[in-house]
Amino acid sequence: MSTVSGISSFSAGSYTATRTSISDDYTVLSTDDIIECDTSSNAIIISLPAASSVDSGKIYNIKDEAGNADDNNITVTPDGSYTIDGETSQIIASSYTCMTIYSNGSNGWFIE
């Protein structure tokens, strides 16, 4: 069950991003851009959509805003047989770290 505590948007020139605040496991939506993780109470699993279900170049920024990822890791997993840089998952294990990933629009996710 996902707990979403807030969704907001901001605009910088022609770029608008949607910021989603979570404190529990979460399945990323194609409309998400920034996923702000509150790791103060527990570890979090972020589930990505299929790389082929989003546009090529779709970017997600996943951030440990609470600063507790060293104790409560954030695990990022792709859908099905997709990978992130060839791996079945990636872990954010350092406080205040951000992972920026993008889809190639067909068969995988990649860390920028």
Protein backbone atom coordinates (compact mmCIF):
# COMPACT_ATOMS: atom_id res chain seq x y z
CA MET A 1 0.00 0.00 0.00
CA SER A 2 1.42 3.36 -1.01
CA THR A 3 1.19 6.42 1.19
CA VAL A 4 1.36 9.64 -0.78
CA SER A 5 1.48 12.67 1.47
CA GLY A 6 1.62 15.36 -1.14
CA ILE A 7 1.78 16.11 -4.82
CA SER A 8 2.77 19.52 -6.06
CA SER A 9 4.02 21.07 -9.27
CA PHE A 10 6.52 23.79 -9.98
CA SER A 11 7.58 25.52 -13.16
CA ALA A 12 10.97 26.83 -14.25
CA GLY A 13 10.65 28.52 -17.61
CA SER A 14 9.18 25.91 -19.94
CA TYR A 15 9.85 23.01 -17.54
CA THR A 16 7.20 21.90 -15.09
CA ALA A 17 7.82 19.05 -12.65
CA THR A 18 5.48 17.09 -10.43
CA ARG A 19 6.84 16.41 -6.94
CA THR A 20 5.37 13.45 -5.08
CA SER A 21 6.09 13.00 -1.36
CA ILE A 22 6.02 9.44 -0.04
CA SER A 23 6.76 7.70 3.23
CA ASP A 24 6.08 4.10 2.24
CA ASP A 25 6.54 1.76 -0.74
CA TYR A 26 5.39 3.43 -3.95
CA THR A 27 4.65 2.53 -7.56
CA VAL A 28 5.82 5.37 -9.79
CA LEU A 29 3.32 6.93 -12.19
CA SER A 30 4.16 8.14 -15.68
CA THR A 31 3.10 11.63 -14.50
CA ASP A 32 5.64 11.70 -11.64
CA ASP A 33 8.92 13.59 -12.02
CA ILE A 34 10.40 14.08 -8.54
CA ILE A 35 9.80 11.47 -5.86
CA GLU A 36 10.67 12.81 -2.42
CA CYS A 37 11.16 10.00 0.09
CA ASP A 38 10.63 10.39 3.82
CA THR A 39 12.94 7.69 5.20
CA SER A 40 12.65 8.79 8.83
CA SER A 41 10.55 5.74 9.87
CA ASN A 42 11.24 2.90 7.45
CA ALA A 43 12.97 1.66 4.32
CA ILE A 44 11.12 2.32 1.05
CA ILE A 45 10.77 0.36 -2.19
CA ILE A 46 10.18 2.42 -5.34
CA SER A 47 8.69 0.38 -8.22
CA LEU A 48 9.25 1.83 -11.69
CA PRO A 49 6.85 1.34 -14.59
CA ALA A 50 7.88 -0.66 -17.65
CA ALA A 51 10.53 1.31 -19.56
CA SER A 52 8.48 0.77 -22.73
CA SER A 53 5.38 2.35 -21.15
CA VAL A 54 6.95 5.83 -20.88
CA ASP A 55 8.50 8.11 -23.48
CA SER A 56 12.15 7.73 -24.38
CA GLY A 57 14.05 10.16 -22.16
CA LYS A 58 11.48 10.15 -19.34
CA ILE A 59 13.38 11.20 -16.21
CA TYR A 60 12.64 10.45 -12.56
CA ASN A 61 14.52 12.06 -9.68
CA ILE A 62 14.32 10.03 -6.47
CA LYS A 63 15.54 11.92 -3.41
CA ASP A 64 16.07 11.05 0.26
CA GLU A 65 14.82 14.39 1.62
CA ALA A 66 14.52 13.11 5.19
CA GLY A 67 18.20 12.21 5.34
CA ASN A 68 17.88 8.72 6.80
CA ALA A 69 18.71 6.50 3.80
CA ASP A 70 21.88 5.32 5.53
CA ASP A 71 19.62 3.55 8.07
CA ASN A 72 16.45 3.14 5.98
CA ASN A 73 17.51 2.42 2.40
CA ILE A 74 15.51 3.28 -0.70
CA THR A 75 15.43 0.37 -3.14
CA VAL A 76 14.49 1.21 -6.74
CA THR A 77 13.19 -1.70 -8.81
CA PRO A 78 12.12 -1.79 -12.45
CA ASP A 79 8.99 -3.53 -13.69
CA GLY A 80 9.27 -7.18 -14.75
CA SER A 81 12.44 -8.13 -16.63
CA TYR A 82 13.59 -4.53 -17.16
CA THR A 83 16.85 -3.42 -15.53
CA ILE A 84 18.52 -0.26 -14.22
CA ASP A 85 22.03 -0.10 -15.71
CA GLY A 86 21.82 -3.87 -16.20
CA GLU A 87 20.90 -4.59 -12.56
CA THR A 88 17.59 -5.86 -11.13
CA SER A 89 17.56 -3.03 -8.56
CA GLN A 90 19.53 -0.04 -7.32
CA ILE A 91 19.78 1.08 -3.69
CA ILE A 92 20.08 4.57 -2.27
CA ALA A 93 22.00 3.95 0.96
CA SER A 94 23.47 7.38 1.71
CA SER A 95 21.51 10.12 3.42
CA TYR A 96 20.26 13.01 1.28
CA THR A 97 21.29 11.23 -1.93
CA CYS A 98 19.38 11.65 -5.19
CA MET A 99 19.16 9.12 -8.01
CA THR A 100 18.29 10.47 -11.45
CA ILE A 101 17.20 7.79 -13.89
CA TYR A 102 15.80 7.82 -17.40
CA SER A 103 14.07 5.37 -19.73
CA ASN A 104 15.26 4.58 -23.23
CA GLY A 105 11.60 4.07 -24.10
CA SER A 106 11.99 0.41 -24.93
CA ASN A 107 14.00 -2.00 -22.81
CA GLY A 108 15.66 -0.36 -19.83
CA TRP A 109 16.35 2.31 -17.24
CA PHE A 110 19.67 4.12 -16.86
CA ILE A 111 21.27 6.23 -14.12
CA GLU A 112 22.37 9.68 -15.24
